[in-house]
Amino acid sequence: MLPKKKTRPRQRRRREVLPEVLPRLQGEQLTRQEELVRDMLEVSAKLLRDGTRLGDVKLLHAALRELRYAFAVFAPYRGVRKVSVFGSARTPPHAASYRAAVEFARRITARGYMVITGAGGGIMEACQGGAGSERSFGVNIRLPFEQAANEIISKDPKLLTFRYFFTRKLMFVKEADAAALFPGGFGTHDEAYECLTLVQTGKTKPMPIVFVDAPRGTYWKTWKKYVEEHLLRRRLISEEDMALFKVTSSLDEAIEEITGFYRVYHSSRTVDRRLVLRLNHRVASGLVEALTRDFADILEGPIEQRGAFEEEADEPELAALPRLVLPFDRTHFGRLRQLIDRLNHEGGVGWATSSSTV
């Protein structure tokens, strides 16, 4: 169930907010959240001490305002999985990739997901048409051409308009549980490599990245050949990095790539340098032992199955989920993806310990 629609969060005036929050930041017993906000205020004050140029202060001011507002818009939907979808704004409605995008969005939202697009025309409009405004977010960018919001999302409170690409791209990745890429131009390739780089380096959580060609299309197949011949063959990337994404012209495969990723695996978090995989259910001890053995090249010790850590208390909605604790080397994220795929494939009902508790 989606939360009820809310009006856009209203910008409160500084004279209303500062007298309210400043006293909370003066004490010694501060929450971690309050400590960080106080540090942010101190950093902001140092801009004046440093004589920072007006243009640079404006940049930081605009970025902070954009991100705060975006966090407020996405917050009511925190518990709903989302797919960020990228593709050309210039794709016409009669194109095969446009029709494929409509059908992809219709089918993925029928599985309980929401879609996030750039809010423009072409593939973005196709996906929002397939998903409907109720299950769509629009993350727009101010440009002098191409990028007026499409009619489906233009009046929806889940439409955001950013001044900067870097704040917009942050929200695309931060809020996504998966990325789907349809044929597009420079912007689409920029987002593709952004997603791949962040997952490859562990700067964002593991997630499925699927490149979707139209039926009998070769756009992404040709791109994959380039990656294999010019990046992989020259060892500019590793063989394991190829596990970070999937290229397909089948919508069935695209949907399965996304939904199957969360069959057993739920989410992850780092606790004291240990990678914690939250699971939808416990798995058999034999599988845990097999994963420890077969992925020893990226582990610094055995995998442990246990309950939640105290450090995860800020996510009470996930407290009941079992965990796999990995002493991961924090380097080989392609291999980590292979481990998660193995967990999803072999950790189903047949492997799960039905009588065990967390």
Protein backbone atom coordinates (compact mmCIF):
# COMPACT_ATOMS: atom_id res chain seq x y z
CA MET A 1 0.00 0.00 0.00
CA LEU A 2 1.26 3.42 -0.90
CA PRO A 3 1.01 6.23 1.65
CA LYS A 4 -1.70 8.79 1.05
CA LYS A 5 -0.73 11.66 -1.17
CA LYS A 6 0.59 14.65 0.68
CA THR A 7 0.96 18.21 -0.41
CA ARG A 8 4.46 19.46 -1.08
CA PRO A 9 6.36 20.10 2.16
CA ARG A 10 6.23 23.83 2.79
CA GLN A 11 9.43 25.78 3.24
CA ARG A 12 9.44 27.14 6.80
CA ARG A 13 10.95 30.55 7.27
CA ARG A 14 14.29 30.75 9.05
CA ARG A 15 12.90 33.00 11.78
CA GLU A 16 10.47 30.21 12.66
CA VAL A 17 12.93 27.33 12.54
CA LEU A 18 16.11 28.66 14.16
CA PRO A 19 14.58 29.70 17.51
CA GLU A 20 12.98 26.26 17.63
CA VAL A 21 16.04 24.11 16.93
CA LEU A 22 19.00 26.13 18.25
CA PRO A 23 18.24 25.49 21.94
CA ARG A 24 18.20 21.76 21.22
CA LEU A 25 21.76 21.99 19.88
CA GLN A 26 23.26 23.76 22.91
CA GLY A 27 23.22 20.85 25.34
CA GLU A 28 25.83 18.19 25.90
CA GLN A 29 23.61 15.11 25.58
CA LEU A 30 22.87 15.30 21.89
CA THR A 31 21.62 12.56 19.61
CA ARG A 32 23.85 11.63 16.69
CA GLN A 33 21.43 13.43 14.39
CA GLU A 34 21.62 16.61 16.47
CA GLU A 35 25.43 16.41 16.57
CA LEU A 36 25.59 16.26 12.78
CA VAL A 37 23.18 19.17 12.34
CA ARG A 38 25.24 21.26 14.75
CA ASP A 39 28.38 20.38 12.79
CA MET A 40 26.63 21.45 9.57
CA LEU A 41 25.81 24.84 11.10
CA GLU A 42 29.41 25.25 12.24
CA VAL A 43 30.73 24.36 8.78
CA SER A 44 28.34 26.90 7.27
CA ALA A 45 29.60 29.58 9.65
CA LYS A 46 33.19 28.84 8.62
CA LEU A 47 32.30 29.91 5.08
CA LEU A 48 32.19 33.48 6.38
CA ARG A 49 35.43 33.08 8.32
CA ASP A 50 37.13 31.68 5.20
CA GLY A 51 35.91 34.55 3.03
CA THR A 52 34.24 32.12 0.65
CA ARG A 53 33.10 33.74 -2.58
CA LEU A 54 29.44 34.55 -2.99
CA GLY A 55 29.08 32.23 -5.99
CA ASP A 56 30.40 29.26 -3.99
CA VAL A 57 28.09 30.03 -1.06
CA LYS A 58 25.15 30.19 -3.47
CA LEU A 59 26.08 26.77 -4.85
CA LEU A 60 26.15 25.17 -1.40
CA HIS A 61 22.96 26.96 -0.37
CA ALA A 62 21.03 25.79 -3.42
CA ALA A 63 22.32 22.21 -3.14
CA LEU A 64 21.39 21.94 0.53
CA ARG A 65 17.91 23.33 -0.05
CA GLU A 66 17.31 20.97 -2.97
CA LEU A 67 18.42 17.91 -1.04
CA ARG A 68 16.45 18.77 2.10
CA TYR A 69 13.30 19.19 0.07
CA ALA A 70 13.94 15.97 -1.88
CA PHE A 71 14.42 14.00 1.34
CA ALA A 72 11.05 15.29 2.56
CA VAL A 73 9.27 14.27 -0.66
CA PHE A 74 10.70 10.74 -0.68
CA ALA A 75 10.36 10.14 3.08
CA PRO A 76 6.73 8.87 3.10
CA TYR A 77 7.69 6.18 0.55
CA ARG A 78 10.78 4.89 2.33
CA GLY A 79 9.36 1.39 2.65
CA VAL A 80 8.48 1.02 -1.05
CA ARG A 81 11.08 -0.38 -3.46
CA LYS A 82 11.89 1.86 -6.42
CA VAL A 83 13.52 1.54 -9.84
CA SER A 84 15.33 4.47 -11.40
CA VAL A 85 14.73 4.36 -15.16
CA PHE A 86 16.92 6.14 -17.70
CA GLY A 87 16.60 6.63 -21.45
CA SER A 88 16.41 9.21 -24.19
CA ALA A 89 14.06 12.19 -23.96
CA ARG A 90 13.94 12.14 -27.78
CA THR A 91 12.48 8.64 -28.26
CA PRO A 92 9.19 8.97 -30.21
CA PRO A 93 6.05 7.09 -29.10
CA HIS A 94 6.11 4.83 -32.18
CA ALA A 95 9.62 3.49 -31.37
CA ALA A 96 9.95 -0.07 -30.15
CA SER A 97 11.99 1.03 -27.12
CA TYR A 98 9.21 3.48 -26.13
CA ARG A 99 6.63 0.70 -26.19
CA ALA A 100 8.98 -1.57 -24.26
CA ALA A 101 9.45 1.13 -21.59
CA VAL A 102 5.68 1.50 -21.16
CA GLU A 103 5.28 -2.25 -20.69
CA PHE A 104 8.29 -2.50 -18.37
CA ALA A 105 6.92 0.21 -16.08
CA ARG A 106 3.45 -1.34 -16.09
CA ARG A 107 4.81 -4.74 -15.12
CA ILE A 108 7.34 -3.65 -12.50
CA THR A 109 4.81 -1.45 -10.69
CA ALA A 110 2.37 -4.36 -10.74
CA ARG A 111 5.02 -6.16 -8.65
CA GLY A 112 4.82 -3.43 -5.99
CA TYR A 113 7.66 -1.16 -7.17
CA MET A 114 7.60 2.54 -7.96
CA VAL A 115 9.56 4.20 -10.77
CA ILE A 116 11.80 7.25 -10.70
CA THR A 117 12.45 9.01 -14.01
CA GLY A 118 13.88 12.30 -15.17
CA ALA A 119 10.30 13.56 -15.70
CA GLY A 120 10.89 14.56 -19.33
CA GLY A 121 9.61 13.14 -22.61
CA GLY A 122 10.59 10.04 -24.54
CA ILE A 123 11.50 7.03 -22.40
CA MET A 124 10.77 8.99 -19.22
CA GLU A 125 7.24 9.80 -20.34
CA ALA A 126 6.77 6.21 -21.52
CA CYS A 127 7.68 4.81 -18.11
CA GLN A 128 5.47 7.22 -16.27
CA GLY A 129 2.65 6.41 -18.64
CA GLY A 130 3.09 2.71 -17.89
CA ALA A 131 3.41 3.23 -14.15
CA GLY A 132 0.84 6.00 -13.70
CA SER A 133 1.44 9.09 -11.61
CA GLU A 134 0.46 7.30 -8.39
CA ARG A 135 3.52 5.06 -8.60
CA SER A 136 5.92 7.58 -10.18
CA PHE A 137 8.50 10.11 -9.09
CA GLY A 138 9.82 12.78 -11.42
CA VAL A 139 13.37 14.05 -10.82
CA ASN A 140 13.60 16.92 -13.27
CA ILE A 141 16.51 19.22 -14.19
CA ARG A 142 16.34 22.86 -15.24
CA LEU A 143 17.54 23.05 -18.83
CA PRO A 144 16.89 25.57 -21.61
CA PHE A 145 15.68 22.72 -23.87
CA GLU A 146 14.14 19.23 -23.83
CA GLN A 147 13.39 18.97 -20.17
CA ALA A 148 9.90 20.32 -19.44
CA ALA A 149 8.08 17.86 -17.19
CA ASN A 150 5.75 15.50 -19.02
CA GLU A 151 2.01 15.85 -18.47
CA ILE A 152 1.72 12.67 -16.41
CA ILE A 153 3.92 13.94 -13.59
CA SER A 154 3.86 17.72 -14.12
CA LYS A 155 1.26 18.49 -11.44
CA ASP A 156 2.11 15.66 -9.07
CA PRO A 157 3.60 16.45 -5.63
CA LYS A 158 6.23 13.77 -6.31
CA LEU A 159 7.83 15.95 -9.00
CA LEU A 160 11.16 17.52 -8.04
CA THR A 161 13.10 20.03 -10.14
CA PHE A 162 16.84 20.35 -9.55
CA ARG A 163 19.26 23.07 -10.49
CA TYR A 164 22.33 20.85 -10.39
CA PHE A 165 22.98 17.50 -12.03
CA PHE A 166 25.00 16.26 -9.05
CA THR A 167 22.13 16.67 -6.57
CA ARG A 168 19.70 15.14 -9.04
CA LYS A 169 21.99 12.16 -9.68
CA LEU A 170 22.42 11.65 -5.95
CA MET A 171 18.66 11.22 -5.51
CA PHE A 172 18.41 8.90 -8.51
CA VAL A 173 20.88 6.49 -6.91
CA LYS A 174 20.17 7.06 -3.21
CA GLU A 175 16.46 6.26 -3.52
CA ALA A 176 16.76 3.41 -6.01
CA ASP A 177 16.68 -0.31 -5.32
CA ALA A 178 17.44 -1.01 -8.98
CA ALA A 179 18.33 0.80 -12.20
CA ALA A 180 16.89 0.10 -15.65
CA LEU A 181 18.44 1.72 -18.72
CA PHE A 182 16.80 2.00 -22.12
CA PRO A 183 18.58 3.35 -25.22
CA GLY A 184 19.60 6.97 -24.86
CA GLY A 185 22.25 9.60 -25.46
CA PHE A 186 25.06 11.14 -23.44
CA GLY A 187 22.90 11.58 -20.35
CA THR A 188 21.82 7.94 -20.34
CA HIS A 189 25.40 6.72 -20.66
CA ASP A 190 26.46 9.13 -17.93
CA GLU A 191 23.87 7.62 -15.59
CA ALA A 192 24.84 4.09 -16.65
CA TYR A 193 28.49 4.57 -15.77
CA GLU A 194 27.55 6.46 -12.61
CA CYS A 195 25.48 3.51 -11.38
CA LEU A 196 28.13 0.98 -12.38
CA THR A 197 30.97 2.93 -10.78
CA LEU A 198 29.14 3.49 -7.49
CA VAL A 199 28.20 -0.19 -7.17
CA GLN A 200 31.65 -1.37 -8.35
CA THR A 201 33.38 0.74 -5.68
CA GLY A 202 30.86 0.13 -2.89
CA LYS A 203 29.85 3.79 -2.70
CA THR A 204 26.22 2.75 -2.88
CA LYS A 205 24.36 -0.36 -1.80
CA PRO A 206 24.35 -3.46 -4.04
CA MET A 207 21.51 -3.31 -6.54
CA PRO A 208 20.56 -4.81 -9.89
CA ILE A 209 21.44 -2.78 -12.99
CA VAL A 210 19.70 -3.93 -16.16
CA PHE A 211 20.19 -2.60 -19.69
CA VAL A 212 16.99 -3.15 -21.67
CA ASP A 213 17.03 -3.39 -25.46
CA ALA A 214 13.82 -3.36 -27.42
CA PRO A 215 12.82 -6.78 -28.81
CA ARG A 216 15.46 -7.75 -31.40
CA GLY A 217 17.29 -4.53 -30.55
CA THR A 218 21.09 -4.30 -30.49
CA TYR A 219 21.76 -0.96 -28.78
CA TRP A 220 23.00 -2.31 -25.45
CA LYS A 221 24.28 -5.56 -26.95
CA THR A 222 26.68 -3.48 -29.04
CA TRP A 223 27.66 -1.49 -25.96
CA LYS A 224 28.39 -4.72 -24.06
CA LYS A 225 30.67 -5.89 -26.88
CA TYR A 226 32.59 -2.64 -26.56
CA VAL A 227 32.94 -3.20 -22.80
CA GLU A 228 34.20 -6.75 -23.36
CA GLU A 229 36.62 -5.89 -26.17
CA HIS A 230 38.02 -2.58 -24.95
CA LEU A 231 37.64 -2.63 -21.15
CA LEU A 232 37.64 -6.25 -20.08
CA ARG A 233 40.18 -7.53 -22.64
CA ARG A 234 42.62 -4.77 -21.68
CA ARG A 235 42.04 -5.54 -17.98
CA LEU A 236 40.69 -2.06 -17.32
CA ILE A 237 37.90 -3.85 -15.44
CA SER A 238 37.78 -7.33 -13.90
CA GLU A 239 35.82 -10.35 -15.08
CA GLU A 240 33.81 -10.18 -11.86
CA ASP A 241 32.66 -6.65 -12.75
CA MET A 242 30.60 -8.13 -15.56
CA ALA A 243 28.35 -9.61 -12.86
CA LEU A 244 27.27 -6.12 -11.82
CA PHE A 245 24.86 -5.70 -14.74
CA LYS A 246 22.69 -7.57 -17.21
CA VAL A 247 21.92 -6.79 -20.86
CA THR A 248 18.68 -8.20 -22.23
CA SER A 249 15.99 -7.61 -24.84
CA SER A 250 13.49 -9.65 -22.81
CA LEU A 251 11.18 -7.83 -20.41
CA ASP A 252 10.68 -11.11 -18.56
CA GLU A 253 14.43 -11.28 -17.91
CA ALA A 254 14.59 -7.60 -16.96
CA ILE A 255 11.80 -7.98 -14.40
CA GLU A 256 13.33 -11.18 -13.02
CA GLU A 257 16.76 -9.54 -12.73
CA ILE A 258 15.26 -6.90 -10.44
CA THR A 259 12.70 -8.84 -8.42
CA GLY A 260 14.90 -11.93 -8.13
CA PHE A 261 17.65 -9.88 -6.51
CA TYR A 262 15.38 -9.43 -3.48
CA ARG A 263 14.15 -13.01 -3.29
CA VAL A 264 16.28 -13.82 -0.21
CA TYR A 265 18.53 -10.76 0.08
CA HIS A 266 16.72 -7.77 1.56
CA SER A 267 19.25 -4.98 2.17
CA SER A 268 22.71 -4.33 3.61
CA ARG A 269 24.54 -2.15 6.06
CA THR A 270 28.07 -1.82 7.43
CA VAL A 271 28.51 -2.27 11.18
CA ASP A 272 32.03 -1.89 12.60
CA ARG A 273 33.70 -2.73 9.27
CA ARG A 274 31.53 -5.84 8.88
CA LEU A 275 29.08 -6.07 6.00
CA VAL A 276 25.65 -7.09 7.26
CA LEU A 277 23.24 -8.63 4.75
CA ARG A 278 19.63 -8.53 5.95
CA LEU A 279 17.60 -11.49 4.66
CA ASN A 280 13.91 -12.11 4.10
CA HIS A 281 14.26 -15.41 5.96
CA ARG A 282 16.93 -17.58 7.56
CA VAL A 283 18.93 -19.94 5.36
CA ALA A 284 20.36 -23.36 6.11
CA SER A 285 23.69 -23.55 7.93
CA GLY A 286 25.00 -25.71 5.09
CA LEU A 287 24.55 -22.85 2.64
CA VAL A 288 26.30 -20.42 5.00
CA GLU A 289 29.25 -22.81 5.21
CA ALA A 290 29.29 -23.24 1.42
CA LEU A 291 29.33 -19.47 0.86
CA THR A 292 32.17 -19.10 3.37
CA ARG A 293 34.17 -21.75 1.52
CA ASP A 294 33.43 -20.69 -2.06
CA PHE A 295 33.91 -16.96 -1.50
CA ALA A 296 36.93 -17.21 0.80
CA ASP A 297 38.87 -15.02 -1.67
CA ILE A 298 36.85 -11.96 -0.59
CA LEU A 299 36.31 -12.85 3.07
CA GLU A 300 38.58 -12.37 6.06
CA GLY A 301 36.84 -15.01 8.12
CA PRO A 302 33.67 -17.15 8.28
CA ILE A 303 30.18 -15.84 7.56
CA GLU A 304 27.92 -15.71 10.63
CA GLN A 305 24.11 -15.91 10.67
CA ARG A 306 22.56 -13.93 13.52
CA GLY A 307 19.99 -11.32 14.50
CA ALA A 308 20.20 -7.53 14.41
CA PHE A 309 23.01 -5.50 15.94
CA GLU A 310 22.36 -2.77 18.50
CA GLU A 311 23.81 -0.30 16.00
CA GLU A 312 20.84 -1.01 13.71
CA ALA A 313 18.31 0.24 16.25
CA ASP A 314 17.57 3.25 14.06
CA GLU A 315 15.85 0.89 11.60
CA PRO A 316 13.31 -0.83 13.88
CA GLU A 317 11.20 -1.96 10.95
CA LEU A 318 14.04 -4.32 9.96
CA ALA A 319 14.81 -5.63 13.45
CA ALA A 320 13.11 -9.00 12.93
CA LEU A 321 15.05 -9.88 9.77
CA PRO A 322 17.88 -12.43 10.09
CA ARG A 323 21.39 -11.35 9.12
CA LEU A 324 24.44 -12.75 7.43
CA VAL A 325 27.55 -11.01 8.75
CA LEU A 326 30.39 -10.97 6.21
CA PRO A 327 33.99 -10.03 7.06
CA PHE A 328 34.12 -8.62 3.52
CA ASP A 329 37.34 -7.20 2.10
CA ARG A 330 35.40 -4.15 0.81
CA THR A 331 37.16 -4.39 -2.54
CA HIS A 332 35.66 -7.05 -4.80
CA PHE A 333 32.08 -5.92 -5.24
CA GLY A 334 31.59 -7.95 -8.39
CA ARG A 335 32.28 -11.07 -6.35
CA LEU A 336 29.94 -9.80 -3.67
CA ARG A 337 27.23 -9.58 -6.31
CA GLN A 338 27.97 -13.19 -7.26
CA LEU A 339 27.62 -14.17 -3.61
CA ILE A 340 24.22 -12.45 -3.38
CA ASP A 341 23.10 -14.15 -6.60
CA ARG A 342 24.12 -17.53 -5.15
CA LEU A 343 22.27 -16.71 -1.93
CA ASN A 344 19.11 -15.84 -3.87
CA HIS A 345 19.36 -18.92 -6.05
CA GLU A 346 20.10 -21.49 -3.36
CA GLY A 347 18.62 -19.84 -0.28
CA GLY A 348 14.97 -20.33 -1.18
CA VAL A 349 12.32 -22.39 0.54
CA GLY A 350 14.19 -25.64 -0.03
CA TRP A 351 17.25 -24.35 1.83
CA ALA A 352 15.49 -22.25 4.47
CA THR A 353 15.27 -23.55 8.02
CA SER A 354 11.54 -23.27 8.65
CA SER A 355 11.72 -24.05 12.37
CA SER A 356 14.51 -21.63 13.26
CA THR A 357 14.02 -18.20 14.75
CA VAL A 358 16.22 -15.14 14.51
